[in-house]
Amino acid sequence: MKAILLDGSKENDSMGGRMSAALSQELQARGWETEIIVLRDQTIGNCAGDFFCWVRNPGVCNVNDDNRRIADEIVNSNLMVYLTPVMFGGYSSGLKRIVDHQIQNIAPFFAKINGETHHAPRYTNYPDFLALGWQDEADTQAEAVFRQLTTRNAINFYAKNAVSAVVLANQTGSEIQAVLSGCLDQIQNGCGILAVRASEVVNLPAAQASPFSPAIRRAVLLVGSPRTKKSTSHSLGGYVLERLEEHSIQTETIYLHTILKSTEKMQAMFDAVDQADLLLLAFPLYVDSLPAPVIEALERIATRRHERKTGQMFAAIANCGFPEAHHNDTALAICGTFARQAGFIWAGSLALGAGEGMVHGGRLDEMDGRVTVLKQALKLAAEALAQGQAIPNQAQALLAKPFIPAWLYRLMGSYGWQQQAKGWGMAATLKNKPYAHIKE
């Protein structure tokens, strides 16, 4: 039996080594072979969102770095373990970077699971899943979001058994060891995928702006897609900004994927955030959460917010490749938790299903009647935000309404993936299993 431990801790966080050592000791005592991969020491680029691992070289990421080796190790393990500080209820950006690359281990075709649309499995067998997070101090909301995220990941990664737990950094070694032992007992006893308990069902933080919020004078759009100006995220967020400009609100757009490696560009973003009355984040859903570079940007913003400008609002727009908009819920809960922890007023969110199929990065004003309801929802949101108010429920309901039946979307989507692969001469290899060395 083999376990792979993916340590997503930061360099100055000793909990990663502490957790991996304790878990490795417990696993070895039970007869497991363990491999610890400290992700910050690996070369792992960000997922480009090009889906080449599905249609150009099925089952293998287009970027030839350590992500391929780790994806191979995961498929050929019996247990995959995530080790991470709990960041706003989600994973660290260092862990999320390899999580995003795990889509090469599933297939592009669609499947129906528990009434929802998901991607089909590529391999016959997948490892069990254990997610272990830690917090400096207890935060029940963030912990609940973390548990929901790991549950959603377990579904998408076809884990037969999945367990998650959160510990505190000040717990003793024996207390942590007891938690780890209990988690492994559950895995080995075949606990199944842990559903979120009714008491832990995560609702987005109340979308109520403070009655003392000032009028919005300056708004900044953070675009979280690697496709930048050609992305659906830019289309949605940009349309809101245009409506805000009609209220004489100054606007600025920042593309997060283009600034993280530049000290000057990062400082410019910090300055823009400091001056903004409204921060609007628009992003595509990546494996039930935000793309790794977006998480990294939020981590950096949160770290430096020692002197906070009062009354700043934060709102988010998420779009996913599934017809059901509720796939975005966990990612938006992470956004709401970020807003609370970083000292912003949470102004609510919008969730769009099948956004890429409908918008595909086009300008909404140049599209036909299919986007009428979409534009209506965004206008309602912009009107509220311009007045310093939260996004109204009416806008959320309009945007979340499916524009195509799920069964038809799954049928057309699978055909679309076949056609894309055909364009690369890969139609016959879409179901390749390049890492099936041991378990298949």
Protein backbone atom coordinates (compact mmCIF):
# COMPACT_ATOMS: atom_id res chain seq x y z
CA MET A 1 0.00 0.00 0.00
CA LYS A 2 1.40 3.36 -1.04
CA ALA A 3 0.54 6.84 0.17
CA ILE A 4 1.63 10.08 -1.47
CA LEU A 5 1.75 13.14 0.82
CA LEU A 6 1.52 16.52 -0.91
CA ASP A 7 2.85 19.19 1.42
CA GLY A 8 1.43 22.58 0.44
CA SER A 9 2.93 24.53 3.34
CA LYS A 10 4.84 27.76 2.92
CA GLU A 11 8.56 27.97 3.63
CA ASN A 12 8.14 29.63 7.04
CA ASP A 13 5.34 27.30 8.16
CA SER A 14 6.72 24.45 10.26
CA MET A 15 3.34 22.73 10.39
CA GLY A 16 3.90 21.10 7.00
CA GLY A 17 6.94 19.19 8.20
CA ARG A 18 5.29 18.48 11.53
CA MET A 19 2.15 17.04 9.93
CA SER A 20 3.98 15.03 7.25
CA ALA A 21 6.38 13.52 9.81
CA ALA A 22 3.56 12.54 12.17
CA LEU A 23 1.43 11.08 9.39
CA SER A 24 4.35 9.26 7.79
CA GLN A 25 5.18 7.69 11.16
CA GLU A 26 1.56 6.57 11.60
CA LEU A 27 1.37 5.16 8.08
CA GLN A 28 4.64 3.26 8.34
CA ALA A 29 3.50 1.73 11.62
CA ARG A 30 0.53 0.38 9.68
CA GLY A 31 2.75 -1.06 6.95
CA TRP A 32 2.34 1.67 4.33
CA GLU A 33 4.99 2.90 1.94
CA THR A 34 5.02 6.70 1.99
CA GLU A 35 6.34 9.40 -0.30
CA ILE A 36 6.45 13.02 0.84
CA ILE A 37 6.52 15.71 -1.83
CA VAL A 38 7.19 19.24 -0.58
CA LEU A 39 5.48 21.19 -3.33
CA ARG A 40 7.37 24.45 -2.82
CA ASP A 41 10.54 22.58 -3.78
CA GLN A 42 9.08 21.35 -7.08
CA THR A 43 8.87 23.07 -10.44
CA ILE A 44 5.15 23.36 -11.12
CA GLY A 45 3.74 25.98 -13.44
CA ASN A 46 0.21 27.28 -13.24
CA CYS A 47 -2.50 25.49 -15.19
CA ALA A 48 -2.98 27.41 -18.45
CA GLY A 49 -6.64 26.47 -18.81
CA ASP A 50 -6.03 25.37 -22.41
CA PHE A 51 -7.35 21.81 -21.91
CA PHE A 52 -4.52 20.44 -24.04
CA CYS A 53 -4.24 17.61 -21.49
CA TRP A 54 -7.66 16.52 -22.77
CA VAL A 55 -7.56 17.15 -26.51
CA ARG A 56 -3.95 17.60 -27.67
CA ASN A 57 -2.09 15.01 -25.56
CA PRO A 58 -4.87 13.18 -23.70
CA GLY A 59 -3.97 12.45 -20.10
CA VAL A 60 -0.72 14.48 -20.02
CA CYS A 61 -0.33 18.18 -19.20
CA ASN A 62 1.05 20.29 -22.03
CA VAL A 63 3.63 21.75 -19.62
CA ASN A 64 6.51 19.34 -19.07
CA ASP A 65 7.47 19.96 -15.45
CA ASP A 66 7.09 18.14 -12.13
CA ASN A 67 3.30 18.18 -12.41
CA ARG A 68 3.45 15.19 -14.79
CA ARG A 69 5.51 13.07 -12.40
CA ILE A 70 3.21 13.93 -9.49
CA ALA A 71 0.09 13.16 -11.51
CA ASP A 72 1.62 9.78 -12.33
CA GLU A 73 2.42 9.16 -8.64
CA ILE A 74 -1.14 10.03 -7.63
CA VAL A 75 -2.74 7.59 -10.07
CA ASN A 76 -0.47 4.82 -8.87
CA SER A 77 -1.00 5.42 -5.16
CA ASN A 78 -3.58 3.95 -2.82
CA LEU A 79 -3.91 7.11 -0.74
CA MET A 80 -3.49 10.75 -1.72
CA VAL A 81 -2.98 13.21 1.15
CA TYR A 82 -3.26 16.98 0.98
CA LEU A 83 -1.38 18.89 3.70
CA THR A 84 -2.15 22.60 3.76
CA PRO A 85 -2.77 25.65 5.87
CA VAL A 86 -6.46 26.51 5.61
CA MET A 87 -6.51 29.63 3.44
CA PHE A 88 -9.91 31.35 3.61
CA GLY A 89 -11.50 27.90 3.88
CA GLY A 90 -9.53 26.51 0.94
CA TYR A 91 -6.06 25.24 0.11
CA SER A 92 -2.82 27.18 -0.06
CA SER A 93 -1.83 28.44 -3.50
CA GLY A 94 1.15 26.05 -3.40
CA LEU A 95 -1.10 23.04 -3.00
CA LYS A 96 -3.77 24.36 -5.35
CA ARG A 97 -1.21 24.62 -8.15
CA ILE A 98 -0.88 20.82 -8.32
CA VAL A 99 -4.59 20.30 -7.64
CA ASP A 100 -5.35 22.29 -10.80
CA HIS A 101 -3.08 19.95 -12.78
CA GLN A 102 -5.03 16.89 -11.66
CA ILE A 103 -7.58 17.39 -14.41
CA GLN A 104 -5.20 15.43 -16.66
CA ASN A 105 -6.18 12.37 -14.60
CA ILE A 106 -9.85 12.63 -15.50
CA ALA A 107 -11.52 12.63 -18.92
CA PRO A 108 -13.22 15.54 -20.69
CA PHE A 109 -16.44 13.62 -21.25
CA PHE A 110 -19.38 14.37 -18.98
CA ALA A 111 -21.04 12.05 -16.50
CA LYS A 112 -24.03 12.39 -14.19
CA ILE A 113 -23.28 11.79 -10.52
CA ASN A 114 -25.93 12.26 -7.83
CA GLY A 115 -27.95 14.33 -10.28
CA GLU A 116 -25.03 16.65 -11.10
CA THR A 117 -22.79 17.03 -14.12
CA HIS A 118 -19.15 16.01 -13.59
CA HIS A 119 -16.30 14.86 -15.80
CA ALA A 120 -15.95 11.15 -16.42
CA PRO A 121 -13.08 9.10 -14.95
CA ARG A 122 -10.02 8.39 -17.08
CA TYR A 123 -8.72 5.49 -14.94
CA THR A 124 -10.47 2.51 -13.41
CA ASN A 125 -9.04 3.06 -9.94
CA TYR A 126 -8.25 6.18 -7.99
CA PRO A 127 -6.60 6.61 -4.59
CA ASP A 128 -8.48 7.25 -1.39
CA PHE A 129 -8.31 10.87 -0.31
CA LEU A 130 -7.27 12.46 2.98
CA ALA A 131 -7.17 16.26 3.37
CA LEU A 132 -5.49 17.68 6.45
CA GLY A 133 -5.58 21.40 7.14
CA TRP A 134 -4.36 23.56 9.97
CA GLN A 135 -5.26 26.94 11.40
CA ASP A 136 -3.43 29.28 13.76
CA GLU A 137 -6.69 29.77 15.62
CA ALA A 138 -10.12 28.21 15.35
CA ASP A 139 -12.40 29.55 12.60
CA THR A 140 -15.50 27.38 12.35
CA GLN A 141 -16.74 28.94 9.13
CA ALA A 142 -13.41 28.47 7.36
CA GLU A 143 -13.24 24.89 8.62
CA ALA A 144 -16.73 24.17 7.30
CA VAL A 145 -15.79 25.56 3.88
CA PHE A 146 -12.65 23.42 3.90
CA ARG A 147 -14.68 20.28 4.60
CA GLN A 148 -17.10 21.13 1.82
CA LEU A 149 -14.25 21.71 -0.62
CA THR A 150 -12.64 18.37 0.16
CA THR A 151 -15.98 16.62 -0.22
CA ARG A 152 -16.48 18.17 -3.66
CA ASN A 153 -12.92 17.24 -4.66
CA ALA A 154 -13.50 13.66 -3.56
CA ILE A 155 -16.46 13.41 -5.91
CA ASN A 156 -14.55 14.84 -8.86
CA PHE A 157 -11.49 12.66 -8.20
CA TYR A 158 -13.54 9.47 -7.80
CA ALA A 159 -12.16 8.66 -4.36
CA LYS A 160 -13.94 5.64 -2.87
CA ASN A 161 -13.08 6.82 0.63
CA ALA A 162 -12.41 10.38 1.70
CA VAL A 163 -11.78 12.05 5.03
CA SER A 164 -10.86 15.60 6.03
CA ALA A 165 -9.75 17.14 9.30
CA VAL A 166 -8.52 20.47 10.60
CA VAL A 167 -6.11 20.88 13.52
CA LEU A 168 -4.78 23.93 15.35
CA ALA A 169 -1.12 24.87 15.23
CA ASN A 170 -0.93 25.01 19.03
CA GLN A 171 -2.18 21.46 19.56
CA THR A 172 0.24 19.04 21.12
CA GLY A 173 1.93 16.29 19.18
CA SER A 174 -0.16 13.63 20.88
CA GLU A 175 -3.38 15.50 20.08
CA ILE A 176 -2.43 15.78 16.42
CA GLN A 177 -1.33 12.15 16.32
CA ALA A 178 -4.75 11.12 17.65
CA VAL A 179 -6.48 13.08 14.88
CA LEU A 180 -4.29 11.50 12.21
CA SER A 181 -4.80 8.01 13.61
CA GLY A 182 -8.56 8.53 13.60
CA CYS A 183 -8.51 9.71 10.00
CA LEU A 184 -6.56 6.65 8.87
CA ASP A 185 -8.93 4.38 10.80
CA GLN A 186 -11.82 5.89 8.85
CA ILE A 187 -10.02 5.45 5.53
CA GLN A 188 -9.07 1.84 6.24
CA ASN A 189 -12.58 1.04 7.50
CA GLY A 190 -14.03 2.22 4.19
CA CYS A 191 -15.92 5.25 5.44
CA GLY A 192 -17.00 6.38 1.98
CA ILE A 193 -17.12 10.00 0.88
CA LEU A 194 -17.95 12.12 3.90
CA ALA A 195 -20.99 14.25 3.27
CA VAL A 196 -21.08 17.64 4.92
CA ARG A 197 -23.13 17.32 8.08
CA ALA A 198 -26.35 19.33 8.18
CA SER A 199 -24.87 21.54 10.89
CA GLU A 200 -21.92 22.30 8.59
CA VAL A 201 -23.79 23.15 5.40
CA VAL A 202 -22.03 26.24 4.18
CA ASN A 203 -24.05 29.27 3.29
CA LEU A 204 -22.26 32.18 1.73
CA PRO A 205 -21.67 34.95 4.25
CA ALA A 206 -24.70 37.20 4.49
CA ALA A 207 -24.71 39.41 1.42
CA GLN A 208 -25.44 42.55 3.39
CA ALA A 209 -23.41 45.69 2.92
CA SER A 210 -22.85 47.89 5.93
CA PRO A 211 -25.43 50.70 6.24
CA PHE A 212 -22.45 53.01 6.68
CA SER A 213 -20.89 52.11 3.33
CA PRO A 214 -19.93 55.25 1.45
CA ALA A 215 -20.92 55.86 -2.15
CA ILE A 216 -18.68 54.00 -4.57
CA ARG A 217 -16.23 56.29 -6.33
CA ARG A 218 -13.58 53.86 -7.53
CA ALA A 219 -13.88 50.18 -8.50
CA VAL A 220 -11.18 47.67 -9.40
CA LEU A 221 -11.82 44.49 -11.35
CA LEU A 222 -9.48 41.58 -10.71
CA VAL A 223 -9.65 39.10 -13.59
CA GLY A 224 -8.65 35.60 -12.48
CA SER A 225 -8.48 33.80 -15.82
CA PRO A 226 -5.24 33.00 -17.67
CA ARG A 227 -7.03 34.05 -20.85
CA THR A 228 -7.08 37.64 -19.56
CA LYS A 229 -8.94 39.92 -22.01
CA LYS A 230 -10.27 36.99 -24.04
CA SER A 231 -11.84 35.27 -21.05
CA THR A 232 -15.44 34.86 -19.97
CA SER A 233 -14.38 36.24 -16.59
CA HIS A 234 -13.33 39.49 -18.28
CA SER A 235 -16.57 39.59 -20.26
CA LEU A 236 -18.69 39.31 -17.12
CA GLY A 237 -16.65 41.60 -14.90
CA GLY A 238 -16.06 44.10 -17.69
CA TYR A 239 -19.78 44.42 -18.33
CA VAL A 240 -20.33 45.27 -14.66
CA LEU A 241 -17.54 47.86 -14.81
CA GLU A 242 -19.13 49.49 -17.85
CA ARG A 243 -22.40 49.84 -15.95
CA LEU A 244 -20.53 51.31 -12.97
CA GLU A 245 -18.90 53.87 -15.27
CA GLU A 246 -22.41 55.07 -16.19
CA HIS A 247 -22.58 56.24 -12.55
CA SER A 248 -19.34 58.24 -12.98
CA ILE A 249 -17.38 55.62 -11.04
CA GLN A 250 -13.70 55.35 -11.94
CA THR A 251 -12.68 51.82 -12.89
CA GLU A 252 -9.51 49.82 -13.40
CA THR A 253 -8.91 46.24 -14.55
CA ILE A 254 -6.04 44.05 -13.38
CA TYR A 255 -5.21 40.63 -14.84
CA LEU A 256 -3.88 38.55 -11.96
CA HIS A 257 -2.02 35.96 -14.03
CA THR A 258 0.21 38.66 -15.52
CA ILE A 259 1.43 40.39 -12.36
CA LEU A 260 2.52 37.79 -9.80
CA LYS A 261 6.15 37.61 -10.92
CA SER A 262 6.65 41.36 -11.10
CA THR A 263 7.36 43.34 -7.93
CA GLU A 264 6.37 46.58 -9.66
CA LYS A 265 3.07 45.19 -10.97
CA MET A 266 2.25 43.67 -7.60
CA GLN A 267 2.84 47.00 -5.89
CA ALA A 268 0.62 48.69 -8.47
CA MET A 269 -2.11 46.18 -7.64
CA PHE A 270 -1.69 46.80 -3.90
CA ASP A 271 -2.00 50.54 -4.51
CA ALA A 272 -5.12 50.03 -6.63
CA VAL A 273 -6.68 47.82 -3.98
CA ASP A 274 -5.90 50.37 -1.26
CA GLN A 275 -7.59 53.15 -3.24
CA ALA A 276 -10.66 51.18 -4.29
CA ASP A 277 -14.08 51.45 -2.70
CA LEU A 278 -15.13 48.26 -4.47
CA LEU A 279 -13.02 45.25 -5.38
CA LEU A 280 -14.69 42.88 -7.86
CA LEU A 281 -13.11 39.49 -8.55
CA ALA A 282 -14.17 37.53 -11.65
CA PHE A 283 -12.73 34.05 -12.16
CA PRO A 284 -13.33 30.62 -13.72
CA LEU A 285 -13.89 27.63 -11.46
CA TYR A 286 -10.81 25.40 -11.22
CA VAL A 287 -11.40 22.08 -9.45
CA ASP A 288 -14.16 23.37 -7.14
CA SER A 289 -12.16 26.45 -6.12
CA LEU A 290 -10.26 29.45 -7.44
CA PRO A 291 -7.26 29.07 -9.79
CA ALA A 292 -3.96 28.88 -7.90
CA PRO A 293 -2.67 32.31 -9.08
CA VAL A 294 -5.89 33.93 -7.82
CA ILE A 295 -5.45 32.33 -4.41
CA GLU A 296 -1.85 33.54 -4.37
CA ALA A 297 -2.98 37.10 -5.12
CA LEU A 298 -5.58 36.96 -2.33
CA GLU A 299 -2.96 35.57 0.07
CA ARG A 300 -0.69 38.51 -0.70
CA ILE A 301 -3.50 41.06 -0.33
CA ALA A 302 -4.57 39.59 3.01
CA THR A 303 -1.00 39.51 4.34
CA ARG A 304 -0.38 43.22 3.82
CA ARG A 305 -3.73 44.59 5.01
CA HIS A 306 -2.49 45.85 8.34
CA GLU A 307 -3.86 49.36 7.92
CA ARG A 308 -7.23 48.84 6.33
CA LYS A 309 -9.28 51.47 4.58
CA THR A 310 -12.73 51.30 6.15
CA GLY A 311 -15.84 50.65 4.11
CA GLN A 312 -14.20 48.79 1.23
CA MET A 313 -16.49 46.29 -0.47
CA PHE A 314 -15.54 42.96 -2.04
CA ALA A 315 -17.73 40.98 -4.46
CA ALA A 316 -17.09 38.00 -6.74
CA ILE A 317 -18.34 36.49 -9.99
CA ALA A 318 -17.58 32.83 -10.72
CA ASN A 319 -18.28 30.86 -13.88
CA CYS A 320 -17.88 27.13 -14.41
CA GLY A 321 -17.92 24.60 -17.24
CA PHE A 322 -20.87 22.68 -15.80
CA PRO A 323 -24.49 23.63 -16.49
CA GLU A 324 -25.35 23.75 -12.78
CA ALA A 325 -24.27 27.07 -11.32
CA HIS A 326 -24.13 25.67 -7.78
CA HIS A 327 -20.76 24.05 -8.58
CA ASN A 328 -19.40 27.55 -7.89
CA ASP A 329 -20.78 27.71 -4.34
CA THR A 330 -17.68 26.44 -2.54
CA ALA A 331 -15.34 28.80 -4.40
CA LEU A 332 -17.62 31.74 -3.63
CA ALA A 333 -17.73 30.71 0.03
CA ILE A 334 -13.93 30.95 -0.03
CA CYS A 335 -14.26 34.46 -1.47
CA GLY A 336 -16.66 35.44 1.30
CA THR A 337 -14.31 34.04 3.93
CA PHE A 338 -11.41 35.98 2.39
CA ALA A 339 -13.45 39.18 2.57
CA ARG A 340 -14.18 38.66 6.26
CA GLN A 341 -10.64 37.69 7.22
CA ALA A 342 -9.03 40.49 5.17
CA GLY A 343 -11.33 43.20 6.52
CA PHE A 344 -13.56 43.85 3.50
CA ILE A 345 -17.33 44.22 3.51
CA TRP A 346 -18.68 41.17 1.73
CA ALA A 347 -21.00 42.45 -0.99
CA GLY A 348 -22.12 39.07 -2.27
CA SER A 349 -21.55 37.08 -5.42
CA LEU A 350 -22.85 35.82 -8.74
CA ALA A 351 -22.53 32.29 -10.09
CA LEU A 352 -22.85 31.29 -13.74
CA GLY A 353 -23.03 27.75 -15.08
CA ALA A 354 -21.83 26.81 -18.57
CA GLY A 355 -20.44 30.30 -18.99
CA GLU A 356 -17.76 29.30 -21.45
CA GLY A 357 -20.30 27.65 -23.71
CA MET A 358 -22.49 30.74 -23.81
CA VAL A 359 -20.07 33.67 -23.56
CA HIS A 360 -16.67 32.29 -24.62
CA GLY A 361 -14.94 35.57 -23.90
CA GLY A 362 -17.11 37.66 -26.22
CA ARG A 363 -18.44 41.15 -25.57
CA LEU A 364 -21.94 40.83 -24.17
CA ASP A 365 -23.18 43.93 -26.01
CA GLU A 366 -22.27 42.28 -29.32
CA MET A 367 -24.08 38.99 -28.59
CA ASP A 368 -27.62 37.91 -29.42
CA GLY A 369 -30.67 37.36 -27.24
CA ARG A 370 -29.17 34.35 -25.48
CA VAL A 371 -27.40 36.70 -23.07
CA THR A 372 -30.39 38.95 -22.35
CA VAL A 373 -31.02 37.44 -18.93
CA LEU A 374 -27.30 37.39 -18.21
CA LYS A 375 -27.00 41.11 -18.93
CA GLN A 376 -30.08 41.82 -16.85
CA ALA A 377 -28.53 40.05 -13.85
CA LEU A 378 -25.24 41.91 -14.23
CA LYS A 379 -27.04 45.25 -14.55
CA LEU A 380 -28.97 44.60 -11.33
CA ALA A 381 -25.73 43.74 -9.57
CA ALA A 382 -24.00 46.86 -10.89
CA GLU A 383 -26.87 49.13 -9.83
CA ALA A 384 -26.71 47.80 -6.28
CA LEU A 385 -22.91 47.94 -6.04
CA ALA A 386 -22.88 51.51 -7.37
CA GLN A 387 -25.00 52.52 -4.38
CA GLY A 388 -22.78 50.71 -1.89
CA GLN A 389 -25.27 47.86 -1.52
CA ALA A 390 -24.90 44.12 -1.76
CA ILE A 391 -25.68 42.15 -4.92
CA PRO A 392 -29.43 41.43 -4.73
CA ASN A 393 -30.90 37.93 -4.58
CA GLN A 394 -32.81 38.63 -7.80
CA ALA A 395 -29.56 39.06 -9.72
CA GLN A 396 -28.16 35.86 -8.24
CA ALA A 397 -31.27 33.88 -9.20
CA LEU A 398 -31.30 35.22 -12.75
CA LEU A 399 -27.67 34.35 -13.39
CA ALA A 400 -27.90 30.92 -11.81
CA LYS A 401 -30.81 29.81 -14.00
CA PRO A 402 -29.56 27.23 -16.56
CA PHE A 403 -29.72 28.43 -20.14
CA ILE A 404 -29.63 24.85 -21.47
CA PRO A 405 -30.93 21.54 -20.04
CA ALA A 406 -28.18 19.62 -18.28
CA TRP A 407 -28.71 16.45 -20.34
CA LEU A 408 -28.37 18.40 -23.60
CA TYR A 409 -25.28 20.22 -22.34
CA ARG A 410 -23.63 16.92 -21.45
CA LEU A 411 -24.44 15.50 -24.87
CA MET A 412 -23.24 18.55 -26.80
CA GLY A 413 -20.22 19.02 -24.56
CA SER A 414 -18.93 15.51 -25.06
CA TYR A 415 -19.35 15.89 -28.82
CA GLY A 416 -17.48 19.20 -28.63
CA TRP A 417 -14.50 17.60 -26.87
CA GLN A 418 -14.36 14.93 -29.57
CA GLN A 419 -14.33 17.58 -32.28
CA GLN A 420 -11.54 19.52 -30.58
CA ALA A 421 -9.45 16.36 -30.24
CA LYS A 422 -10.14 15.55 -33.88
CA GLY A 423 -8.62 18.90 -34.84
CA TRP A 424 -5.37 17.78 -33.18
CA GLY A 425 -5.57 14.31 -34.70
CA MET A 426 -6.27 12.83 -31.25
CA ALA A 427 -9.89 11.69 -31.50
CA ALA A 428 -8.91 8.02 -31.18
CA THR A 429 -6.79 8.65 -28.06
CA LEU A 430 -9.14 10.72 -25.91
CA LYS A 431 -9.45 7.89 -23.41
CA ASN A 432 -5.70 7.26 -23.15
CA LYS A 433 -4.39 6.14 -19.74
CA PRO A 434 -0.74 7.24 -19.89
CA TYR A 435 -0.06 6.69 -16.19
CA ALA A 436 -1.70 3.27 -15.83
CA HIS A 437 1.49 1.43 -14.86
CA ILE A 438 0.38 -0.46 -11.79
CA LYS A 439 -3.27 -0.31 -10.83
CA GLU A 440 -5.07 -0.69 -14.17
